[in-house]
Amino acid sequence: MRAGLRSAGAARSALALGALTVAVLIAGCGGVEAPDLFIVTRSGSTPQARLTLLVNEEGGVTCNGRAMSQKLSDPQIVKAREIQEELLKPSASRLSLAPRPGSVLSYYVRDESGNVRFSDNSAGQPAVFHKLQLFVLQSAQDVCRLAG
């Protein structure tokens, strides 16, 4: 009976070691992804208006569903984090601003605290919306290699 207990204990130890090895291999192979800062969906009346821009905390960018090999520069990452922090209050309150006549671009932004909707010419935009519009334009051109 004693031999049976030893072999059962050895089997449990081998199983635990195997599970630990698999966990280490998964973690070492990029199993952890950086959290997203925000996702912006831009639409509008111009041919280049349509854009979905996903930005993660490490500067990774996905443009219209394509992960880009070029990441944001360090100053761009700082700007993205600043925008995310400034979006917390409007996003949590789900701020939605109507477009005025002549609007060209509309934005929908989602982050961990909620979402916002606005257009390029919406009245009453907080300063962060202007920062976000510029960030999206620059990222579309510099990282996504789109016309704008």
C-alpha atoms as a PDB file:
ATOM      1  CA  MET A   1       0.000   0.000   0.000  1.00  0.00           C
ATOM      2  CA  ARG A   2       2.878   2.335   0.745  1.00  0.00           C
ATOM      3  CA  ALA A   3       4.245   1.977  -2.810  1.00  0.00           C
ATOM      4  CA  GLY A   4       0.838   2.966  -4.216  1.00  0.00           C
ATOM      5  CA  LEU A   5       0.836   6.174  -2.172  1.00  0.00           C
ATOM      6  CA  ARG A   6       4.334   7.034  -3.377  1.00  0.00           C
ATOM      7  CA  SER A   7       3.412   6.528  -7.022  1.00  0.00           C
ATOM      8  CA  ALA A   8       0.234   8.616  -6.610  1.00  0.00           C
ATOM      9  CA  GLY A   9       2.268  11.388  -4.960  1.00  0.00           C
ATOM     10  CA  ALA A  10       4.867  11.225  -7.718  1.00  0.00           C
ATOM     11  CA  ALA A  11       2.142  11.438 -10.353  1.00  0.00           C
ATOM     12  CA  ARG A  12       0.636  14.531  -8.684  1.00  0.00           C
ATOM     13  CA  SER A  13       4.065  16.161  -8.471  1.00  0.00           C
ATOM     14  CA  ALA A  14       4.773  15.414 -12.134  1.00  0.00           C
ATOM     15  CA  LEU A  15       1.371  16.814 -13.102  1.00  0.00           C
ATOM     16  CA  ALA A  16       1.938  19.993 -11.076  1.00  0.00           C
ATOM     17  CA  LEU A  17       5.408  20.433 -12.591  1.00  0.00           C
ATOM     18  CA  GLY A  18       3.970  19.982 -16.078  1.00  0.00           C
ATOM     19  CA  ALA A  19       1.258  22.599 -15.457  1.00  0.00           C
ATOM     20  CA  LEU A  20       3.841  25.030 -14.081  1.00  0.00           C
ATOM     21  CA  THR A  21       6.054  24.501 -17.146  1.00  0.00           C
ATOM     22  CA  VAL A  22       3.148  25.213 -19.514  1.00  0.00           C
ATOM     23  CA  ALA A  23       2.246  28.392 -17.581  1.00  0.00           C
ATOM     24  CA  VAL A  24       5.840  29.641 -17.747  1.00  0.00           C
ATOM     25  CA  LEU A  25       6.041  28.927 -21.481  1.00  0.00           C
ATOM     26  CA  ILE A  26       2.791  30.767 -22.176  1.00  0.00           C
ATOM     27  CA  ALA A  27       3.898  33.800 -20.156  1.00  0.00           C
ATOM     28  CA  GLY A  28       7.266  33.822 -21.896  1.00  0.00           C
ATOM     29  CA  CYS A  29       5.683  33.739 -25.356  1.00  0.00           C
ATOM     30  CA  GLY A  30       3.890  37.062 -25.126  1.00  0.00           C
ATOM     31  CA  GLY A  31       0.810  35.733 -23.380  1.00  0.00           C
ATOM     32  CA  VAL A  32       0.215  39.098 -21.694  1.00  0.00           C
ATOM     33  CA  GLU A  33      -1.036  42.033 -23.742  1.00  0.00           C
ATOM     34  CA  ALA A  34      -0.830  45.690 -22.747  1.00  0.00           C
ATOM     35  CA  PRO A  35      -4.179  47.175 -21.710  1.00  0.00           C
ATOM     36  CA  ASP A  36      -5.944  49.484 -24.144  1.00  0.00           C
ATOM     37  CA  LEU A  37      -6.007  53.213 -23.438  1.00  0.00           C
ATOM     38  CA  PHE A  38      -8.872  53.987 -25.802  1.00  0.00           C
ATOM     39  CA  ILE A  39     -10.424  53.227 -29.173  1.00  0.00           C
ATOM     40  CA  VAL A  40     -11.556  55.999 -31.503  1.00  0.00           C
ATOM     41  CA  THR A  41     -13.981  55.513 -34.373  1.00  0.00           C
ATOM     42  CA  ARG A  42     -13.932  58.468 -36.742  1.00  0.00           C
ATOM     43  CA  SER A  43     -16.411  58.909 -39.572  1.00  0.00           C
ATOM     44  CA  GLY A  44     -17.389  61.722 -41.857  1.00  0.00           C
ATOM     45  CA  SER A  45     -18.075  63.100 -45.294  1.00  0.00           C
ATOM     46  CA  THR A  46     -14.540  62.920 -46.747  1.00  0.00           C
ATOM     47  CA  PRO A  47     -12.946  59.817 -48.310  1.00  0.00           C
ATOM     48  CA  GLN A  48     -10.224  59.646 -45.622  1.00  0.00           C
ATOM     49  CA  ALA A  49     -12.602  60.193 -42.706  1.00  0.00           C
ATOM     50  CA  ARG A  50     -13.269  56.549 -41.859  1.00  0.00           C
ATOM     51  CA  LEU A  51     -10.808  55.318 -39.232  1.00  0.00           C
ATOM     52  CA  THR A  52     -10.801  53.028 -36.225  1.00  0.00           C
ATOM     53  CA  LEU A  53      -7.760  53.695 -34.053  1.00  0.00           C
ATOM     54  CA  LEU A  54      -6.975  51.484 -31.058  1.00  0.00           C
ATOM     55  CA  VAL A  55      -4.145  52.628 -28.776  1.00  0.00           C
ATOM     56  CA  ASN A  56      -2.676  50.497 -26.005  1.00  0.00           C
ATOM     57  CA  GLU A  57      -0.629  51.493 -22.984  1.00  0.00           C
ATOM     58  CA  GLU A  58       2.698  50.443 -24.511  1.00  0.00           C
ATOM     59  CA  GLY A  59       2.179  52.524 -27.655  1.00  0.00           C
ATOM     60  CA  GLY A  60       0.859  49.743 -29.831  1.00  0.00           C
ATOM     61  CA  VAL A  61      -1.583  50.950 -32.457  1.00  0.00           C
ATOM     62  CA  THR A  62      -4.192  49.153 -34.525  1.00  0.00           C
ATOM     63  CA  CYS A  63      -5.501  51.063 -37.551  1.00  0.00           C
ATOM     64  CA  ASN A  64      -8.739  49.854 -39.117  1.00  0.00           C
ATOM     65  CA  GLY A  65      -8.167  46.396 -37.639  1.00  0.00           C
ATOM     66  CA  ARG A  66      -4.491  46.115 -38.712  1.00  0.00           C
ATOM     67  CA  ALA A  67      -1.841  45.998 -36.001  1.00  0.00           C
ATOM     68  CA  MET A  68       0.923  48.384 -37.026  1.00  0.00           C
ATOM     69  CA  SER A  69       4.580  47.432 -36.738  1.00  0.00           C
ATOM     70  CA  GLN A  70       5.498  51.015 -35.838  1.00  0.00           C
ATOM     71  CA  LYS A  71       4.592  52.016 -32.304  1.00  0.00           C
ATOM     72  CA  LEU A  72       3.950  55.468 -30.953  1.00  0.00           C
ATOM     73  CA  SER A  73       7.028  57.436 -29.921  1.00  0.00           C
ATOM     74  CA  ASP A  74       7.553  58.083 -26.209  1.00  0.00           C
ATOM     75  CA  PRO A  75       6.146  61.646 -26.450  1.00  0.00           C
ATOM     76  CA  GLN A  76       3.109  60.297 -28.343  1.00  0.00           C
ATOM     77  CA  ILE A  77       2.528  57.663 -25.625  1.00  0.00           C
ATOM     78  CA  VAL A  78       2.681  60.402 -22.978  1.00  0.00           C
ATOM     79  CA  LYS A  79       0.159  62.440 -24.996  1.00  0.00           C
ATOM     80  CA  ALA A  80      -2.149  59.407 -25.369  1.00  0.00           C
ATOM     81  CA  ARG A  81      -2.059  58.748 -21.613  1.00  0.00           C
ATOM     82  CA  GLU A  82      -2.723  62.429 -20.925  1.00  0.00           C
ATOM     83  CA  ILE A  83      -5.738  62.313 -23.256  1.00  0.00           C
ATOM     84  CA  GLN A  84      -7.003  59.158 -21.563  1.00  0.00           C
ATOM     85  CA  GLU A  85      -6.775  60.776 -18.124  1.00  0.00           C
ATOM     86  CA  GLU A  86      -8.542  63.928 -19.322  1.00  0.00           C
ATOM     87  CA  LEU A  87     -11.294  61.821 -20.930  1.00  0.00           C
ATOM     88  CA  LEU A  88     -12.185  60.114 -17.627  1.00  0.00           C
ATOM     89  CA  LYS A  89     -14.865  62.588 -16.530  1.00  0.00           C
ATOM     90  CA  PRO A  90     -16.567  63.189 -19.916  1.00  0.00           C
ATOM     91  CA  SER A  91     -16.382  59.474 -20.686  1.00  0.00           C
ATOM     92  CA  ALA A  92     -17.835  58.398 -17.344  1.00  0.00           C
ATOM     93  CA  SER A  93     -20.746  60.784 -17.890  1.00  0.00           C
ATOM     94  CA  ARG A  94     -21.130  59.519 -21.483  1.00  0.00           C
ATOM     95  CA  LEU A  95     -20.923  63.042 -22.890  1.00  0.00           C
ATOM     96  CA  SER A  96     -22.532  63.365 -26.307  1.00  0.00           C
ATOM     97  CA  LEU A  97     -22.336  66.653 -28.229  1.00  0.00           C
ATOM     98  CA  ALA A  98     -24.421  67.261 -31.337  1.00  0.00           C
ATOM     99  CA  PRO A  99     -22.783  68.360 -34.567  1.00  0.00           C
ATOM    100  CA  ARG A 100     -23.483  71.815 -35.917  1.00  0.00           C
ATOM    101  CA  PRO A 101     -24.242  72.461 -39.588  1.00  0.00           C
ATOM    102  CA  GLY A 102     -21.145  71.988 -41.746  1.00  0.00           C
ATOM    103  CA  SER A 103     -19.615  69.242 -39.613  1.00  0.00           C
ATOM    104  CA  VAL A 104     -17.061  67.131 -41.512  1.00  0.00           C
ATOM    105  CA  LEU A 105     -15.862  64.569 -38.933  1.00  0.00           C
ATOM    106  CA  SER A 106     -17.596  62.699 -36.108  1.00  0.00           C
ATOM    107  CA  TYR A 107     -15.865  60.867 -33.278  1.00  0.00           C
ATOM    108  CA  TYR A 108     -16.896  58.057 -30.967  1.00  0.00           C
ATOM    109  CA  VAL A 109     -14.369  57.265 -28.231  1.00  0.00           C
ATOM    110  CA  ARG A 110     -14.564  54.341 -25.828  1.00  0.00           C
ATOM    111  CA  ASP A 111     -12.316  53.698 -22.851  1.00  0.00           C
ATOM    112  CA  GLU A 112     -12.484  51.803 -19.581  1.00  0.00           C
ATOM    113  CA  SER A 113     -14.704  54.426 -17.935  1.00  0.00           C
ATOM    114  CA  GLY A 114     -17.300  54.855 -20.694  1.00  0.00           C
ATOM    115  CA  ASN A 115     -17.610  56.693 -24.001  1.00  0.00           C
ATOM    116  CA  VAL A 116     -18.060  60.074 -25.653  1.00  0.00           C
ATOM    117  CA  ARG A 117     -19.516  61.248 -28.980  1.00  0.00           C
ATOM    118  CA  PHE A 118     -18.844  64.550 -30.673  1.00  0.00           C
ATOM    119  CA  SER A 119     -18.155  66.165 -34.020  1.00  0.00           C
ATOM    120  CA  ASP A 120     -15.356  68.411 -35.177  1.00  0.00           C
ATOM    121  CA  ASN A 121     -17.542  71.497 -34.767  1.00  0.00           C
ATOM    122  CA  SER A 122     -19.691  70.505 -31.758  1.00  0.00           C
ATOM    123  CA  ALA A 123     -20.373  73.409 -29.416  1.00  0.00           C
ATOM    124  CA  GLY A 124     -19.064  73.180 -25.867  1.00  0.00           C
ATOM    125  CA  GLN A 125     -16.201  70.746 -26.507  1.00  0.00           C
ATOM    126  CA  PRO A 126     -13.811  70.324 -23.585  1.00  0.00           C
ATOM    127  CA  ALA A 127     -10.169  71.001 -24.477  1.00  0.00           C
ATOM    128  CA  VAL A 128      -9.390  67.263 -24.450  1.00  0.00           C
ATOM    129  CA  PHE A 129     -11.608  66.751 -27.514  1.00  0.00           C
ATOM    130  CA  HIS A 130      -9.413  69.116 -29.521  1.00  0.00           C
ATOM    131  CA  LYS A 131      -6.297  67.315 -28.271  1.00  0.00           C
ATOM    132  CA  LEU A 132      -7.842  63.995 -29.260  1.00  0.00           C
ATOM    133  CA  GLN A 133      -8.709  65.206 -32.771  1.00  0.00           C
ATOM    134  CA  LEU A 134      -5.114  66.329 -33.345  1.00  0.00           C
ATOM    135  CA  PHE A 135      -3.750  63.089 -31.880  1.00  0.00           C
ATOM    136  CA  VAL A 136      -5.973  61.022 -34.195  1.00  0.00           C
ATOM    137  CA  LEU A 137      -4.926  63.047 -37.243  1.00  0.00           C
ATOM    138  CA  GLN A 138      -1.213  62.773 -36.432  1.00  0.00           C
ATOM    139  CA  SER A 139      -1.447  59.059 -35.605  1.00  0.00           C
ATOM    140  CA  ALA A 140      -3.364  58.368 -38.819  1.00  0.00           C
ATOM    141  CA  GLN A 141      -0.630  60.085 -40.835  1.00  0.00           C
ATOM    142  CA  ASP A 142       2.517  59.075 -38.916  1.00  0.00           C
ATOM    143  CA  VAL A 143       1.712  55.573 -37.652  1.00  0.00           C
ATOM    144  CA  CYS A 144      -1.123  54.308 -39.850  1.00  0.00           C
ATOM    145  CA  ARG A 145       0.367  55.890 -42.991  1.00  0.00           C
ATOM    146  CA  LEU A 146      -3.043  57.172 -44.042  1.00  0.00           C
ATOM    147  CA  ALA A 147      -3.779  60.495 -45.703  1.00  0.00           C
ATOM    148  CA  GLY A 148      -5.343  61.845 -42.568  1.00  0.00           C
END
